Protein backbone atom coordinates (compact mmCIF):
# COMPACT_ATOMS: atom_id res chain seq x y z
CA UNK A 1 100.22 -20.20 10.60
CA UNK A 2 97.68 -22.58 12.03
CA UNK A 3 95.37 -22.11 9.06
CA UNK A 4 93.40 -24.34 6.75
CA UNK A 5 94.93 -25.39 3.41
CA UNK A 6 92.65 -23.00 1.49
CA UNK A 7 93.76 -20.13 3.70
CA UNK A 8 97.41 -20.98 3.10
CA UNK A 9 96.83 -21.20 -0.64
CA UNK A 10 95.11 -17.80 -0.61
CA UNK A 11 97.92 -16.34 1.49
CA UNK A 12 100.57 -17.68 -0.89
CA UNK A 13 98.62 -16.37 -3.88
CA UNK A 14 98.61 -12.92 -2.24
CA UNK A 15 102.37 -13.15 -1.62
CA UNK A 16 102.83 -13.94 -5.32
CA UNK A 17 100.53 -11.10 -6.39
CA UNK A 18 102.41 -8.59 -4.23
CA UNK A 19 105.80 -9.86 -5.48
CA UNK A 20 104.77 -9.53 -9.12
CA UNK A 21 103.23 -6.09 -8.56
CA UNK A 22 106.42 -4.75 -6.95
CA UNK A 23 109.61 -6.49 -8.16
CA UNK A 24 111.67 -4.62 -5.53
CA UNK A 25 110.18 -6.93 -2.90
CA UNK A 26 111.51 -10.36 -2.05
CA UNK A 27 109.19 -13.16 -0.93
CA UNK A 28 109.56 -12.39 2.79
CA UNK A 29 108.74 -8.70 2.32
CA UNK A 30 105.70 -9.65 0.25
CA UNK A 31 104.68 -12.17 2.92
CA UNK A 32 104.85 -9.47 5.62
CA UNK A 33 102.48 -7.30 3.58
CA UNK A 34 100.21 -10.26 2.87
CA UNK A 35 100.31 -11.06 6.58
CA UNK A 36 98.77 -7.68 7.28
CA UNK A 37 95.99 -8.29 4.76
CA UNK A 38 95.30 -11.78 6.14
CA UNK A 39 95.59 -10.62 9.77
CA UNK A 40 98.45 -13.07 10.42
CA UNK A 41 100.34 -10.51 12.51
CA UNK A 42 100.79 -6.78 12.89
CA UNK A 43 104.16 -6.99 14.61
CA UNK A 44 107.55 -8.43 13.76
CA UNK A 45 107.76 -11.00 16.57
CA UNK A 46 104.26 -12.31 15.97
CA UNK A 47 104.94 -12.66 12.25
CA UNK A 48 108.24 -14.46 12.89
CA UNK A 49 106.53 -16.91 15.24
CA UNK A 50 103.58 -17.48 12.90
CA UNK A 51 105.89 -18.43 10.04
CA UNK A 52 108.58 -20.11 12.14
CA UNK A 53 111.42 -17.86 11.00
CA UNK A 54 114.04 -15.78 12.77
CA UNK A 55 112.88 -12.46 14.19
CA UNK A 56 116.04 -10.75 12.89
CA UNK A 57 115.08 -11.63 9.30
CA UNK A 58 111.65 -10.10 9.76
CA UNK A 59 113.14 -6.97 11.36
CA UNK A 60 115.43 -6.49 8.36
CA UNK A 61 112.52 -6.77 5.92
CA UNK A 62 110.32 -4.47 8.01
CA UNK A 63 113.05 -1.83 7.77
CA UNK A 64 113.30 -2.34 4.00
CA UNK A 65 109.53 -2.01 3.66
CA UNK A 66 109.61 1.17 5.68
CA UNK A 67 112.43 2.54 3.48
CA UNK A 68 110.31 1.71 0.41
CA UNK A 69 107.34 3.46 2.05
CA UNK A 70 105.24 0.29 1.97
CA UNK A 71 104.61 0.24 5.73
CA UNK A 72 105.03 2.43 8.76
CA UNK A 73 106.32 1.44 12.17
CA UNK A 74 103.69 2.30 14.76
CA UNK A 75 105.59 1.14 17.84
CA UNK A 76 108.84 -0.43 18.94
CA UNK A 77 109.98 -2.22 22.08
CA UNK A 78 113.58 -1.15 22.68
CA UNK A 79 114.39 -4.22 24.76
CA UNK A 80 113.08 -6.90 22.38
CA UNK A 81 113.22 -4.88 19.13
CA UNK A 82 109.63 -5.98 18.39
CA UNK A 83 108.07 -3.58 15.88
CA UNK A 84 104.38 -2.93 15.47
CA UNK A 85 103.60 -1.89 11.91
CA UNK A 86 100.81 -0.95 9.52
CA UNK A 87 100.55 -0.85 5.75
CA UNK A 88 100.70 2.48 3.96
CA UNK A 89 97.75 2.77 1.61
């Protein structure tokens, strides 16, 4: 993430808060939502790179979050499958 330790601690605390508030979400789904709040990334590829995880894993969780009506997909690149997304308030 390229952030200071305090920022990482705050990010992880937000992931925990989101996970506790909605038990349907796993840690990665909660991290995607926290990533929006902390401006880590607003797209699947950027989030995958920021956290050093596979893009396919992020895509799967983005779809789950959309199915749970926790975020909306605002754009998609058909060639790369990159999704732009935003939280649903």
